[in-house]
Protein backbone atom coordinates (compact mmCIF):
# COMPACT_ATOMS: atom_id res chain seq x y z
CA MET A 1 64.13 -57.37 94.48
CA LYS A 2 62.81 -57.35 90.92
CA PHE A 3 58.68 -56.53 89.91
CA MET A 4 56.71 -56.43 86.90
CA VAL A 5 54.79 -53.60 86.85
CA GLN A 6 51.73 -53.25 84.45
CA SER A 7 50.05 -50.24 83.96
CA GLU A 8 46.73 -49.34 82.14
CA GLN A 9 45.38 -45.71 81.69
CA ALA A 10 43.02 -45.19 84.36
CA ARG A 11 40.16 -43.92 82.55
CA GLN A 12 40.30 -41.61 79.42
CA LEU A 13 42.61 -38.61 80.01
CA ASP A 14 41.75 -34.98 78.60
CA ASP A 15 44.84 -33.23 76.68
CA GLU A 16 46.26 -31.76 79.78
CA GLU A 17 45.93 -34.77 82.37
CA ARG A 18 47.97 -36.68 79.30
CA ALA A 19 50.65 -33.73 79.14
CA GLU A 20 51.05 -33.88 82.57
CA LEU A 21 51.01 -38.04 82.69
CA TYR A 22 53.57 -37.41 80.05
CA LYS A 23 55.66 -35.11 81.79
CA ARG A 24 55.85 -37.29 84.93
CA MET A 25 56.55 -40.49 83.19
CA GLY A 26 59.50 -38.31 81.59
CA GLU A 27 60.61 -37.33 84.73
CA PHE A 28 61.22 -40.79 85.81
CA TYR A 29 63.04 -41.79 82.58
CA GLY A 30 64.80 -38.57 83.13
CA GLY A 31 66.00 -39.45 86.89
CA ILE A 32 65.94 -42.91 87.90
CA PRO A 33 66.63 -42.98 91.21
CA GLU A 34 69.62 -44.54 92.58
CA GLY A 35 70.09 -48.40 93.26
CA VAL A 36 66.71 -48.78 90.53
CA THR A 37 67.41 -50.88 87.28
CA LEU A 38 64.66 -50.27 84.94
CA GLU A 39 65.32 -54.03 83.11
CA CYS A 40 63.02 -53.70 80.62
CA ASP A 41 59.81 -51.09 79.52
CA TYR A 42 57.40 -52.07 76.90
CA ILE A 43 54.50 -49.42 76.01
CA ARG A 44 51.34 -51.16 74.32
CA ALA A 45 51.17 -49.78 70.44
CA ASP A 46 47.85 -47.86 71.55
CA ARG A 47 49.79 -45.92 74.30
CA LEU A 48 47.34 -46.65 76.56
CA GLY A 49 49.73 -49.08 79.07
CA SER A 50 53.12 -50.66 79.65
CA TRP A 51 54.78 -53.14 81.15
CA SER A 52 57.92 -53.16 83.06
CA VAL A 53 60.70 -54.77 84.93
CA LEU A 54 62.25 -53.19 87.61
CA ASP A 55 65.25 -54.11 90.39
CA VAL A 56 64.85 -52.32 93.37
CA PRO A 57 65.93 -52.38 96.55
CA ASP A 58 62.77 -52.88 98.38
CA ARG A 59 58.98 -52.48 97.87
CA ALA A 60 58.70 -48.90 99.75
CA THR A 61 61.14 -47.56 96.79
CA LEU A 62 58.65 -49.27 93.80
CA ASP A 63 55.65 -47.46 95.62
CA GLY A 64 57.43 -44.20 95.63
CA ILE A 65 58.33 -44.53 92.02
CA LEU A 66 54.65 -44.87 91.44
CA ALA A 67 53.11 -42.50 93.67
CA PRO A 68 53.25 -39.91 91.07
CA PHE A 69 51.26 -41.66 88.93
CA ASP A 70 48.20 -42.44 90.86
CA GLY A 71 44.87 -41.25 89.30
CA TYR A 72 46.51 -41.39 85.90
CA VAL A 73 47.22 -45.44 85.90
CA ARG A 74 45.97 -48.69 87.33
CA VAL A 75 48.98 -50.76 88.31
CA THR A 76 49.17 -54.16 88.82
CA VAL A 77 52.44 -54.82 90.28
CA THR A 78 54.03 -58.89 90.63
CA GLU A 79 57.22 -59.73 92.40
CA LEU A 80 59.37 -61.89 90.24
CA VAL A 81 62.40 -64.43 90.90
CA SER A 82 64.26 -66.28 88.26
CA GLY A 83 62.97 -69.34 86.63
CA ALA A 84 66.21 -71.62 88.20
CA ASP A 85 65.66 -69.50 91.96
CA GLY A 86 62.06 -70.73 91.61
CA LEU A 87 62.51 -74.19 90.62
CA GLY A 88 61.20 -76.63 93.47
CA GLU A 89 59.81 -74.19 95.60
CA ALA A 90 56.21 -74.25 96.36
CA PRO A 91 54.61 -70.65 95.92
CA PRO A 92 54.50 -68.30 98.98
CA GLY A 93 51.31 -68.67 100.17
CA SER A 94 50.70 -72.34 99.29
């Protein structure tokens, strides 16, 4: 399953909180779980948010990856399908 994850800093972080957020980010980048592919990752120039596309086995895996960032960032998650796979199909729930 592919997901686009858009994150934005939840609030103004103090220096200690920012250091903790960056530590957690480093732990993620340094130990991407087995079966997870980080397909692309862009950080805003102002360093207050990012956009990433991850391929994960299931939504629970993604939720586990995002859990350490709770309270530091607001996250919007969008499930993705390839353009060719989505052609001719009605969107889910329509």
